[in-house]
N, C-alpha and C. Protein backbone atom coordinates (compact mmCIF):
# COMPACT_ATOMS: atom_id res chain seq x y z
N MET A 1 -37.77 -17.86 -8.59
CA MET A 1 -38.02 -16.45 -10.11
C MET A 1 -36.52 -15.71 -9.66
N ARG A 2 -37.04 -15.07 -10.07
CA ARG A 2 -36.03 -13.74 -9.36
C ARG A 2 -34.43 -13.97 -8.97
N ASN A 3 -34.42 -14.64 -8.20
CA ASN A 3 -33.33 -15.02 -7.41
C ASN A 3 -33.20 -15.93 -8.40
N LYS A 4 -33.07 -16.49 -9.67
CA LYS A 4 -31.92 -17.07 -10.90
C LYS A 4 -32.01 -16.49 -11.71
N LYS A 5 -32.80 -15.26 -12.03
CA LYS A 5 -32.06 -14.08 -12.60
C LYS A 5 -31.34 -13.55 -12.47
N GLN A 6 -30.88 -13.19 -10.86
CA GLN A 6 -29.60 -12.63 -10.43
C GLN A 6 -28.10 -13.34 -10.27
N ILE A 7 -28.58 -14.61 -10.16
CA ILE A 7 -27.50 -14.96 -10.39
C ILE A 7 -26.91 -15.43 -12.03
N SER A 8 -27.81 -15.21 -13.17
CA SER A 8 -27.57 -15.35 -14.13
C SER A 8 -27.23 -13.85 -14.16
N THR A 9 -27.51 -13.26 -14.13
CA THR A 9 -26.50 -11.80 -14.49
C THR A 9 -25.32 -11.67 -13.57
N ALA A 10 -25.54 -11.88 -12.74
CA ALA A 10 -24.15 -12.27 -11.71
C ALA A 10 -22.48 -12.78 -12.80
N LEU A 11 -23.60 -14.74 -12.46
CA LEU A 11 -22.91 -14.76 -13.87
C LEU A 11 -21.98 -14.13 -14.96
N ASN A 12 -23.02 -13.66 -15.47
CA ASN A 12 -22.56 -13.18 -17.09
C ASN A 12 -21.87 -11.88 -16.60
N LYS A 13 -21.81 -11.37 -15.63
CA LYS A 13 -20.61 -10.19 -15.73
C LYS A 13 -19.16 -10.82 -15.18
N ILE A 14 -19.02 -11.64 -14.48
CA ILE A 14 -18.16 -12.17 -13.91
C ILE A 14 -17.73 -12.44 -15.00
N LYS A 15 -18.25 -13.38 -16.22
CA LYS A 15 -17.68 -13.97 -17.49
C LYS A 15 -17.08 -12.00 -18.28
N ILE A 16 -17.84 -11.50 -18.25
CA ILE A 16 -17.80 -10.36 -19.06
C ILE A 16 -16.00 -10.04 -18.08
N VAL A 17 -16.22 -9.78 -17.69
CA VAL A 17 -14.58 -9.11 -16.54
C VAL A 17 -13.62 -10.30 -16.99
N ARG A 18 -13.83 -11.54 -16.71
CA ARG A 18 -12.77 -12.67 -16.72
C ARG A 18 -12.25 -12.37 -18.02
N LEU A 19 -13.50 -11.63 -19.16
CA LEU A 19 -12.84 -12.00 -20.49
C LEU A 19 -12.05 -10.60 -20.74
N ASP A 20 -12.54 -9.56 -20.09
CA ASP A 20 -11.89 -7.96 -20.56
C ASP A 20 -10.25 -8.25 -19.32
N ASP A 21 -9.33 -7.93 -20.88
CA ASP A 21 -7.88 -7.70 -20.25
C ASP A 21 -7.85 -6.23 -19.52
N SER A 22 -8.56 -5.55 -20.21
CA SER A 22 -8.14 -4.19 -20.04
C SER A 22 -8.03 -3.37 -18.78
N GLY A 23 -8.32 -3.99 -17.51
CA GLY A 23 -8.21 -3.26 -16.33
C GLY A 23 -5.99 -4.26 -15.20
N ALA A 24 -5.61 -5.23 -16.35
CA ALA A 24 -4.89 -6.13 -16.20
C ALA A 24 -3.88 -4.74 -16.03
N THR A 25 -3.08 -3.65 -16.91
CA THR A 25 -2.15 -2.63 -16.62
C THR A 25 -2.64 -1.64 -14.93
N ALA A 26 -3.96 -1.71 -15.16
CA ALA A 26 -3.98 -0.59 -13.52
C ALA A 26 -3.50 -1.44 -12.40
N ILE A 27 -3.97 -2.65 -13.04
CA ILE A 27 -3.51 -4.04 -11.64
C ILE A 27 -2.15 -3.65 -11.24
N GLU A 28 -1.06 -4.09 -12.43
CA GLU A 28 -0.02 -4.10 -12.75
C GLU A 28 0.36 -2.71 -11.85
N TYR A 29 -0.43 -1.35 -12.45
CA TYR A 29 0.70 -0.19 -11.99
C TYR A 29 0.41 -0.28 -10.14
N ALA A 30 -0.33 -0.90 -9.93
CA ALA A 30 -0.90 -0.60 -8.58
C ALA A 30 -0.59 -1.49 -6.75
N LEU A 31 -0.07 -3.03 -8.15
CA LEU A 31 1.00 -3.45 -7.50
C LEU A 31 2.32 -2.74 -7.11
N ILE A 32 2.78 -1.93 -8.36
CA ILE A 32 3.78 -1.27 -8.71
C ILE A 32 3.92 -0.20 -7.32
N ALA A 33 3.35 0.97 -7.33
CA ALA A 33 2.33 1.65 -6.52
C ALA A 33 3.04 1.47 -5.04
N GLY A 34 2.13 0.17 -4.82
CA GLY A 34 2.68 -1.08 -3.17
C GLY A 34 3.34 -1.41 -3.00
N LEU A 35 4.29 -1.59 -3.98
CA LEU A 35 5.19 -2.22 -3.42
C LEU A 35 6.24 -0.32 -3.12
N VAL A 36 5.99 0.61 -4.02
CA VAL A 36 7.01 1.95 -3.24
C VAL A 36 6.53 2.65 -2.30
N PHE A 37 5.84 1.61 -2.11
CA PHE A 37 4.54 2.62 -0.80
C PHE A 37 5.24 1.49 0.60
N LEU A 38 5.40 0.74 0.72
CA LEU A 38 5.74 -0.55 1.53
C LEU A 38 7.66 0.19 1.06
N ALA A 39 8.29 0.40 0.15
CA ALA A 39 10.00 0.68 0.51
C ALA A 39 10.43 1.92 0.94
N ILE A 40 8.91 3.03 0.97
CA ILE A 40 9.28 4.19 1.57
C ILE A 40 8.86 4.48 3.35
N VAL A 41 8.11 3.02 3.33
CA VAL A 41 7.34 3.05 4.84
C VAL A 41 8.47 2.25 5.74
N GLY A 42 9.08 1.50 5.05
CA GLY A 42 10.72 1.16 5.05
C GLY A 42 11.64 1.80 5.69
N ALA A 43 12.23 2.89 4.68
CA ALA A 43 13.20 3.52 4.44
C ALA A 43 12.73 4.68 6.11
N ILE A 44 12.09 4.56 5.80
CA ILE A 44 10.75 5.91 7.03
C ILE A 44 11.12 5.34 8.59
N ASN A 45 10.87 3.59 8.17
CA ASN A 45 11.10 3.30 9.67
C ASN A 45 12.60 3.21 10.19
N TYR A 46 12.89 2.84 9.24
CA TYR A 46 14.27 2.63 9.32
C TYR A 46 15.16 4.26 9.27
N TYR A 47 14.90 5.01 9.32
CA TYR A 47 15.81 6.36 9.33
C TYR A 47 14.37 6.86 11.12
N ALA A 48 14.03 6.66 10.93
CA ALA A 48 13.53 7.27 12.17
C ALA A 48 14.03 6.60 13.10
N GLY A 49 14.32 5.41 13.39
CA GLY A 49 14.79 5.30 15.30
C GLY A 49 16.52 6.10 14.62
N SER A 50 17.46 5.92 13.87
CA SER A 50 18.84 6.65 13.86
C SER A 50 18.43 8.46 14.06
N LEU A 51 17.36 8.44 13.76
CA LEU A 51 16.52 10.34 13.68
C LEU A 51 16.97 10.34 15.47
N GLY A 52 15.95 9.60 15.56
CA GLY A 52 15.19 9.63 17.04
C GLY A 52 16.67 9.45 17.71
N ASN A 53 18.13 8.52 17.36
CA ASN A 53 18.83 8.23 18.59
C ASN A 53 19.67 10.14 18.38
N LEU A 54 19.74 10.34 17.29
CA LEU A 54 20.86 11.44 17.05
C LEU A 54 19.77 12.73 17.73
N PHE A 55 19.08 13.09 17.26
CA PHE A 55 18.06 13.81 19.13
C PHE A 55 18.25 13.49 20.41
N ASN A 56 18.08 12.72 20.41
CA ASN A 56 18.38 11.97 21.88
C ASN A 56 19.56 12.58 22.69
N GLU A 57 20.69 11.60 21.19
CA GLU A 57 22.03 12.50 21.93
C GLU A 57 21.83 13.96 22.11
N VAL A 58 21.94 14.36 20.90
CA VAL A 58 22.02 16.06 21.38
C VAL A 58 21.32 16.37 22.53
N SER A 59 19.56 16.13 22.34
CA SER A 59 19.15 16.95 23.67
C SER A 59 19.86 16.29 25.34
N SER A 60 20.77 15.31 25.04
CA SER A 60 21.77 14.45 26.33
C SER A 60 22.51 16.12 26.15
N ASN A 61 23.41 16.43 25.16
CA ASN A 61 24.15 17.41 25.18
C ASN A 61 24.44 18.15 25.22
N VAL A 62 23.51 18.70 25.21
CA VAL A 62 22.15 20.24 25.33
C VAL A 62 22.30 20.35 27.11
N LEU A 63 22.14 19.68 27.41
CA LEU A 63 21.69 19.58 29.08
C LEU A 63 22.33 18.46 30.10
N GLY A 64 23.17 18.27 29.66
CA GLY A 64 24.90 17.81 29.64
C GLY A 64 25.30 19.18 29.93
N SER A 65 25.88 20.21 29.01
CA SER A 65 26.05 21.55 29.14
C SER A 65 25.66 21.85 30.25
N LEU A 66 24.09 22.75 30.24
CA LEU A 66 23.80 23.56 30.63
C LEU A 66 24.31 23.19 32.25
């Protein structure tokens, strides 16, 4: 009997959440924030390699001049 009540309560909560569209905007903002985050991570990865190469070149030039 207890399981039946828990299942009924869970189904009612699912119905309420499904019918409530107030969270849709929050999900959209979360998706946008996720895409911005991925773009930032991609840019950092792209420029990190270039920056590492720059420091290696500077290091080689400094060591070569000693």
